[in-house]
């Protein structure tokens, strides 16, 4: 049996990192051995690329350079980490993956989406998540959470509200085009409320996966 690949997506401060951790803990309780990773990052070399991408001092980075760095990080992570774990029949939970690039660099930066999809296929070696959970929140909620957190923002978080508005619209469009694999979850509640919604989606997915294997 091949492993299962689950990704979590969404605009900044949607809560996906917290929910990814809760999901990993939940799956361990169900006797799975999930690997929790993040993008960009998840591998020694990919983490170095992450530092370049998110450093606020690199404000002069061009959109195309940004895109290619994300794809380079993804290629390294996919080949060195994700593929080997999936081949062992284990689960991988990734905080962001290729849909982020389409949303941020395609819809947010306005780069050619056909080029991005092509580069995504190369960088992922054709790998696609079995399930993607899109945590959706309004921009007002994102910015309110940002004020409360009071931490130093990275290069992309510092972008203007129009940039983030385009990203959210892009995510929702991507989800509508991929309803079977991408499930939209309302992320406006507190951590536990959102987790219950995520858990229902994951339980339904795992139940269907078990039936498919048994048949």
C-alpha atoms as a PDB file:
ATOM      1  CA  UNK A   1       0.000   0.000   0.000  1.00  0.00           C
ATOM      2  CA  UNK A   2       1.342   3.434  -0.948  1.00  0.00           C
ATOM      3  CA  UNK A   3       1.467   6.096   1.740  1.00  0.00           C
ATOM      4  CA  UNK A   4      -0.989   8.966   2.030  1.00  0.00           C
ATOM      5  CA  UNK A   5      -0.068  12.583   1.384  1.00  0.00           C
ATOM      6  CA  UNK A   6      -2.096  15.309   3.118  1.00  0.00           C
ATOM      7  CA  UNK A   7      -1.449  19.037   2.745  1.00  0.00           C
ATOM      8  CA  UNK A   8      -2.833  22.082   4.522  1.00  0.00           C
ATOM      9  CA  UNK A   9      -3.179  25.401   2.722  1.00  0.00           C
ATOM     10  CA  UNK A  10      -4.469  28.902   3.325  1.00  0.00           C
ATOM     11  CA  UNK A  11      -3.581  32.560   3.635  1.00  0.00           C
ATOM     12  CA  UNK A  12      -1.346  33.786   6.445  1.00  0.00           C
ATOM     13  CA  UNK A  13      -2.710  33.391   9.974  1.00  0.00           C
ATOM     14  CA  UNK A  14      -5.415  30.939   8.888  1.00  0.00           C
ATOM     15  CA  UNK A  15      -4.191  28.480  11.542  1.00  0.00           C
ATOM     16  CA  UNK A  16      -2.913  25.748   9.243  1.00  0.00           C
ATOM     17  CA  UNK A  17       0.359  25.197  11.114  1.00  0.00           C
ATOM     18  CA  UNK A  18      -1.497  24.629  14.391  1.00  0.00           C
ATOM     19  CA  UNK A  19      -4.007  22.336  12.692  1.00  0.00           C
ATOM     20  CA  UNK A  20      -1.222  20.387  10.956  1.00  0.00           C
ATOM     21  CA  UNK A  21       0.325  19.672  14.356  1.00  0.00           C
ATOM     22  CA  UNK A  22      -3.009  18.604  15.818  1.00  0.00           C
ATOM     23  CA  UNK A  23      -3.595  16.358  12.818  1.00  0.00           C
ATOM     24  CA  UNK A  24      -0.208  14.687  13.235  1.00  0.00           C
ATOM     25  CA  UNK A  25      -0.933  14.011  16.927  1.00  0.00           C
ATOM     26  CA  UNK A  26      -4.393  12.664  16.088  1.00  0.00           C
ATOM     27  CA  UNK A  27      -3.057  10.279  13.437  1.00  0.00           C
ATOM     28  CA  UNK A  28      -0.429   8.982  15.862  1.00  0.00           C
ATOM     29  CA  UNK A  29      -3.258   8.143  18.279  1.00  0.00           C
ATOM     30  CA  UNK A  30      -4.841   6.147  15.452  1.00  0.00           C
ATOM     31  CA  UNK A  31      -1.637   4.084  15.116  1.00  0.00           C
ATOM     32  CA  UNK A  32      -0.298   5.858  12.043  1.00  0.00           C
ATOM     33  CA  UNK A  33       3.248   7.184  11.771  1.00  0.00           C
ATOM     34  CA  UNK A  34       2.844  10.547  10.031  1.00  0.00           C
ATOM     35  CA  UNK A  35       5.780  12.732   9.066  1.00  0.00           C
ATOM     36  CA  UNK A  36       5.013  16.418   9.624  1.00  0.00           C
ATOM     37  CA  UNK A  37       6.951  18.830   7.412  1.00  0.00           C
ATOM     38  CA  UNK A  38       6.623  22.365   6.091  1.00  0.00           C
ATOM     39  CA  UNK A  39       7.131  24.239   2.861  1.00  0.00           C
ATOM     40  CA  UNK A  40       9.372  25.870   2.019  1.00  0.00           C
ATOM     41  CA  UNK A  41      11.682  23.762   4.156  1.00  0.00           C
ATOM     42  CA  UNK A  42      11.459  20.254   5.535  1.00  0.00           C
ATOM     43  CA  UNK A  43      14.975  19.360   4.396  1.00  0.00           C
ATOM     44  CA  UNK A  44      18.372  20.832   5.323  1.00  0.00           C
ATOM     45  CA  UNK A  45      18.892  22.433   1.920  1.00  0.00           C
ATOM     46  CA  UNK A  46      15.253  23.454   1.569  1.00  0.00           C
ATOM     47  CA  UNK A  47      15.404  25.182   4.959  1.00  0.00           C
ATOM     48  CA  UNK A  48      18.332  27.265   3.732  1.00  0.00           C
ATOM     49  CA  UNK A  49      16.285  28.319   0.708  1.00  0.00           C
ATOM     50  CA  UNK A  50      13.406  29.184   3.073  1.00  0.00           C
ATOM     51  CA  UNK A  51      15.605  31.667   4.915  1.00  0.00           C
ATOM     52  CA  UNK A  52      16.410  33.446   1.658  1.00  0.00           C
ATOM     53  CA  UNK A  53      12.778  33.513   0.552  1.00  0.00           C
ATOM     54  CA  UNK A  54      11.281  34.860   3.775  1.00  0.00           C
ATOM     55  CA  UNK A  55      14.020  37.247   4.888  1.00  0.00           C
ATOM     56  CA  UNK A  56      12.550  40.771   4.903  1.00  0.00           C
ATOM     57  CA  UNK A  57      15.962  42.110   3.836  1.00  0.00           C
ATOM     58  CA  UNK A  58      15.407  40.486   0.423  1.00  0.00           C
ATOM     59  CA  UNK A  59      12.600  42.876  -0.534  1.00  0.00           C
ATOM     60  CA  UNK A  60      14.174  43.373  -3.958  1.00  0.00           C
ATOM     61  CA  UNK A  61      13.681  39.758  -4.994  1.00  0.00           C
ATOM     62  CA  UNK A  62      11.906  39.523  -8.351  1.00  0.00           C
ATOM     63  CA  UNK A  63       8.711  37.441  -8.667  1.00  0.00           C
ATOM     64  CA  UNK A  64      10.402  35.017 -11.089  1.00  0.00           C
ATOM     65  CA  UNK A  65      13.382  34.503  -8.797  1.00  0.00           C
ATOM     66  CA  UNK A  66      10.925  33.921  -5.952  1.00  0.00           C
ATOM     67  CA  UNK A  67       9.032  31.334  -7.988  1.00  0.00           C
ATOM     68  CA  UNK A  68      12.166  29.422  -8.983  1.00  0.00           C
ATOM     69  CA  UNK A  69      13.447  29.337  -5.401  1.00  0.00           C
ATOM     70  CA  UNK A  70      10.159  27.876  -4.188  1.00  0.00           C
ATOM     71  CA  UNK A  71      10.303  25.225  -6.879  1.00  0.00           C
ATOM     72  CA  UNK A  72      13.934  24.402  -6.062  1.00  0.00           C
ATOM     73  CA  UNK A  73      13.039  23.958  -2.397  1.00  0.00           C
ATOM     74  CA  UNK A  74      10.101  21.749  -3.360  1.00  0.00           C
ATOM     75  CA  UNK A  75      12.141  19.555  -5.693  1.00  0.00           C
ATOM     76  CA  UNK A  76      14.684  18.912  -2.953  1.00  0.00           C
ATOM     77  CA  UNK A  77      12.015  18.170  -0.329  1.00  0.00           C
ATOM     78  CA  UNK A  78       9.961  15.930  -2.590  1.00  0.00           C
ATOM     79  CA  UNK A  79      12.805  13.757  -3.799  1.00  0.00           C
ATOM     80  CA  UNK A  80      14.804  13.555  -0.582  1.00  0.00           C
ATOM     81  CA  UNK A  81      12.014  13.375   2.001  1.00  0.00           C
ATOM     82  CA  UNK A  82       8.429  12.966   0.780  1.00  0.00           C
ATOM     83  CA  UNK A  83       8.829  10.260  -1.862  1.00  0.00           C
ATOM     84  CA  UNK A  84      10.922   7.912   0.319  1.00  0.00           C
ATOM     85  CA  UNK A  85       8.418   8.135   3.189  1.00  0.00           C
ATOM     86  CA  UNK A  86       5.420   7.512   0.922  1.00  0.00           C
ATOM     87  CA  UNK A  87       7.171   4.502  -0.629  1.00  0.00           C
ATOM     88  CA  UNK A  88       7.397   3.037   2.876  1.00  0.00           C
ATOM     89  CA  UNK A  89       3.594   3.188   3.052  1.00  0.00           C
ATOM     90  CA  UNK A  90       3.602   5.943   5.656  1.00  0.00           C
ATOM     91  CA  UNK A  91       1.743   9.256   5.851  1.00  0.00           C
ATOM     92  CA  UNK A  92       3.118  12.698   5.107  1.00  0.00           C
ATOM     93  CA  UNK A  93       1.484  15.895   6.360  1.00  0.00           C
ATOM     94  CA  UNK A  94       2.839  19.018   4.704  1.00  0.00           C
ATOM     95  CA  UNK A  95       2.197  22.604   5.818  1.00  0.00           C
ATOM     96  CA  UNK A  96       1.848  24.097   2.297  1.00  0.00           C
ATOM     97  CA  UNK A  97       2.815  22.510  -1.019  1.00  0.00           C
ATOM     98  CA  UNK A  98       2.372  23.232  -4.727  1.00  0.00           C
ATOM     99  CA  UNK A  99      -1.037  24.930  -4.385  1.00  0.00           C
ATOM    100  CA  UNK A 100       0.677  27.677  -2.373  1.00  0.00           C
ATOM    101  CA  UNK A 101       2.873  28.538  -5.324  1.00  0.00           C
ATOM    102  CA  UNK A 102      -0.080  28.756  -7.683  1.00  0.00           C
ATOM    103  CA  UNK A 103      -1.951  30.952  -5.192  1.00  0.00           C
ATOM    104  CA  UNK A 104       0.924  33.217  -4.144  1.00  0.00           C
ATOM    105  CA  UNK A 105       3.052  33.507  -7.259  1.00  0.00           C
ATOM    106  CA  UNK A 106       0.255  32.908  -9.775  1.00  0.00           C
ATOM    107  CA  UNK A 107      -2.678  34.850  -8.370  1.00  0.00           C
ATOM    108  CA  UNK A 108      -0.757  37.057  -5.948  1.00  0.00           C
ATOM    109  CA  UNK A 109       2.241  38.017  -8.113  1.00  0.00           C
ATOM    110  CA  UNK A 110       0.447  37.627 -11.429  1.00  0.00           C
ATOM    111  CA  UNK A 111       2.955  35.236 -12.991  1.00  0.00           C
ATOM    112  CA  UNK A 112       1.859  32.947 -15.831  1.00  0.00           C
ATOM    113  CA  UNK A 113      -0.208  30.173 -14.235  1.00  0.00           C
ATOM    114  CA  UNK A 114       0.559  27.720 -17.044  1.00  0.00           C
ATOM    115  CA  UNK A 115       4.266  28.172 -16.389  1.00  0.00           C
ATOM    116  CA  UNK A 116       3.715  27.646 -12.664  1.00  0.00           C
ATOM    117  CA  UNK A 117       1.711  24.462 -13.216  1.00  0.00           C
ATOM    118  CA  UNK A 118       4.472  23.185 -15.512  1.00  0.00           C
ATOM    119  CA  UNK A 119       7.191  23.982 -12.965  1.00  0.00           C
ATOM    120  CA  UNK A 120       5.092  22.430 -10.205  1.00  0.00           C
ATOM    121  CA  UNK A 121       4.908  19.175 -12.146  1.00  0.00           C
ATOM    122  CA  UNK A 122       8.684  19.181 -12.557  1.00  0.00           C
ATOM    123  CA  UNK A 123       9.437  20.060  -8.932  1.00  0.00           C
ATOM    124  CA  UNK A 124       6.956  17.514  -7.521  1.00  0.00           C
ATOM    125  CA  UNK A 125       7.960  14.767  -9.981  1.00  0.00           C
ATOM    126  CA  UNK A 126       4.234  14.496 -10.737  1.00  0.00           C
ATOM    127  CA  UNK A 127       3.315  13.954  -7.085  1.00  0.00           C
ATOM    128  CA  UNK A 128      -0.077  15.312  -6.007  1.00  0.00           C
ATOM    129  CA  UNK A 129      -1.588  15.299  -2.500  1.00  0.00           C
ATOM    130  CA  UNK A 130      -4.285  12.726  -1.792  1.00  0.00           C
ATOM    131  CA  UNK A 131      -6.116  15.307   0.305  1.00  0.00           C
ATOM    132  CA  UNK A 132      -5.697  19.056   0.686  1.00  0.00           C
ATOM    133  CA  UNK A 133      -7.402  20.987   3.471  1.00  0.00           C
ATOM    134  CA  UNK A 134      -7.852  24.667   2.662  1.00  0.00           C
ATOM    135  CA  UNK A 135      -8.415  26.673   5.832  1.00  0.00           C
ATOM    136  CA  UNK A 136     -10.348  29.702   4.662  1.00  0.00           C
ATOM    137  CA  UNK A 137     -10.680  32.948   6.627  1.00  0.00           C
ATOM    138  CA  UNK A 138     -11.633  36.492   5.574  1.00  0.00           C
ATOM    139  CA  UNK A 139      -8.794  38.990   5.264  1.00  0.00           C
ATOM    140  CA  UNK A 140     -10.188  40.936   8.220  1.00  0.00           C
ATOM    141  CA  UNK A 141      -9.709  37.878  10.437  1.00  0.00           C
ATOM    142  CA  UNK A 142      -6.180  37.353   9.125  1.00  0.00           C
ATOM    143  CA  UNK A 143      -5.151  40.927   9.897  1.00  0.00           C
ATOM    144  CA  UNK A 144      -6.831  40.881  13.314  1.00  0.00           C
ATOM    145  CA  UNK A 145      -4.898  37.737  14.268  1.00  0.00           C
ATOM    146  CA  UNK A 146      -1.739  39.348  12.949  1.00  0.00           C
ATOM    147  CA  UNK A 147      -2.166  42.301  15.322  1.00  0.00           C
ATOM    148  CA  UNK A 148      -2.683  40.029  18.314  1.00  0.00           C
ATOM    149  CA  UNK A 149       0.315  37.824  17.588  1.00  0.00           C
ATOM    150  CA  UNK A 150       2.769  40.740  17.516  1.00  0.00           C
ATOM    151  CA  UNK A 151       5.650  38.830  15.984  1.00  0.00           C
ATOM    152  CA  UNK A 152       8.124  39.909  13.348  1.00  0.00           C
ATOM    153  CA  UNK A 153       6.594  39.434   9.921  1.00  0.00           C
ATOM    154  CA  UNK A 154       8.415  37.749   7.062  1.00  0.00           C
ATOM    155  CA  UNK A 155       8.899  39.176   3.576  1.00  0.00           C
ATOM    156  CA  UNK A 156       5.629  37.879   2.132  1.00  0.00           C
ATOM    157  CA  UNK A 157       3.524  38.682   5.181  1.00  0.00           C
ATOM    158  CA  UNK A 158       4.618  42.319   4.789  1.00  0.00           C
ATOM    159  CA  UNK A 159       2.953  42.605   1.378  1.00  0.00           C
ATOM    160  CA  UNK A 160      -0.069  44.890   1.002  1.00  0.00           C
ATOM    161  CA  UNK A 161      -3.691  43.849   1.534  1.00  0.00           C
ATOM    162  CA  UNK A 162      -4.409  43.637  -2.209  1.00  0.00           C
ATOM    163  CA  UNK A 163      -1.715  40.973  -2.581  1.00  0.00           C
ATOM    164  CA  UNK A 164      -3.303  38.868   0.156  1.00  0.00           C
ATOM    165  CA  UNK A 165      -6.798  39.443  -1.257  1.00  0.00           C
ATOM    166  CA  UNK A 166      -5.692  38.017  -4.616  1.00  0.00           C
ATOM    167  CA  UNK A 167      -4.160  35.007  -2.860  1.00  0.00           C
ATOM    168  CA  UNK A 168      -7.376  34.168  -1.010  1.00  0.00           C
ATOM    169  CA  UNK A 169      -9.408  34.490  -4.215  1.00  0.00           C
ATOM    170  CA  UNK A 170      -6.864  32.300  -5.961  1.00  0.00           C
ATOM    171  CA  UNK A 171      -7.079  29.607  -3.311  1.00  0.00           C
ATOM    172  CA  UNK A 172     -10.866  29.526  -3.522  1.00  0.00           C
ATOM    173  CA  UNK A 173     -10.757  29.270  -7.309  1.00  0.00           C
ATOM    174  CA  UNK A 174      -8.205  26.442  -7.140  1.00  0.00           C
ATOM    175  CA  UNK A 175     -10.416  24.618  -4.640  1.00  0.00           C
ATOM    176  CA  UNK A 176     -13.512  24.964  -6.817  1.00  0.00           C
ATOM    177  CA  UNK A 177     -11.582  23.453  -9.721  1.00  0.00           C
ATOM    178  CA  UNK A 178     -10.439  20.492  -7.585  1.00  0.00           C
ATOM    179  CA  UNK A 179     -13.431  19.663  -5.377  1.00  0.00           C
ATOM    180  CA  UNK A 180     -12.564  15.978  -5.019  1.00  0.00           C
ATOM    181  CA  UNK A 181      -9.125  16.559  -3.513  1.00  0.00           C
ATOM    182  CA  UNK A 182      -9.374  20.028  -1.941  1.00  0.00           C
ATOM    183  CA  UNK A 183     -11.777  20.484   0.966  1.00  0.00           C
ATOM    184  CA  UNK A 184     -12.516  23.994   2.203  1.00  0.00           C
ATOM    185  CA  UNK A 185     -12.721  24.281   5.987  1.00  0.00           C
ATOM    186  CA  UNK A 186     -13.971  27.379   7.784  1.00  0.00           C
ATOM    187  CA  UNK A 187     -11.054  28.569   9.897  1.00  0.00           C
ATOM    188  CA  UNK A 188     -12.700  31.552  11.600  1.00  0.00           C
ATOM    189  CA  UNK A 189     -13.453  29.755  14.876  1.00  0.00           C
ATOM    190  CA  UNK A 190     -11.077  29.078  17.735  1.00  0.00           C
ATOM    191  CA  UNK A 191      -8.475  26.311  17.550  1.00  0.00           C
ATOM    192  CA  UNK A 192     -10.754  23.562  18.875  1.00  0.00           C
ATOM    193  CA  UNK A 193     -13.722  24.549  16.695  1.00  0.00           C
ATOM    194  CA  UNK A 194     -11.533  24.533  13.607  1.00  0.00           C
ATOM    195  CA  UNK A 195      -9.955  21.240  14.635  1.00  0.00           C
ATOM    196  CA  UNK A 196     -13.355  19.538  14.863  1.00  0.00           C
ATOM    197  CA  UNK A 197     -14.054  20.624  11.281  1.00  0.00           C
ATOM    198  CA  UNK A 198     -10.655  19.424  10.105  1.00  0.00           C
ATOM    199  CA  UNK A 199     -11.078  16.144  11.961  1.00  0.00           C
ATOM    200  CA  UNK A 200     -14.423  15.441  10.253  1.00  0.00           C
ATOM    201  CA  UNK A 201     -12.843  15.959   6.834  1.00  0.00           C
ATOM    202  CA  UNK A 202      -9.882  13.717   7.656  1.00  0.00           C
ATOM    203  CA  UNK A 203     -12.039  10.969   9.206  1.00  0.00           C
ATOM    204  CA  UNK A 204     -14.237  10.913   6.112  1.00  0.00           C
ATOM    205  CA  UNK A 205     -11.181  10.752   3.873  1.00  0.00           C
ATOM    206  CA  UNK A 206      -9.570   7.925   5.863  1.00  0.00           C
ATOM    207  CA  UNK A 207     -12.810   5.975   5.897  1.00  0.00           C
ATOM    208  CA  UNK A 208     -13.097   6.172   2.122  1.00  0.00           C
ATOM    209  CA  UNK A 209      -9.418   5.266   1.739  1.00  0.00           C
ATOM    210  CA  UNK A 210      -9.890   2.137   3.904  1.00  0.00           C
ATOM    211  CA  UNK A 211     -12.885   1.047   1.838  1.00  0.00           C
ATOM    212  CA  UNK A 212     -10.937   1.553  -1.364  1.00  0.00           C
ATOM    213  CA  UNK A 213      -8.043  -0.568  -0.120  1.00  0.00           C
ATOM    214  CA  UNK A 214     -10.302  -3.368   1.124  1.00  0.00           C
ATOM    215  CA  UNK A 215     -12.219  -3.532  -2.131  1.00  0.00           C
END
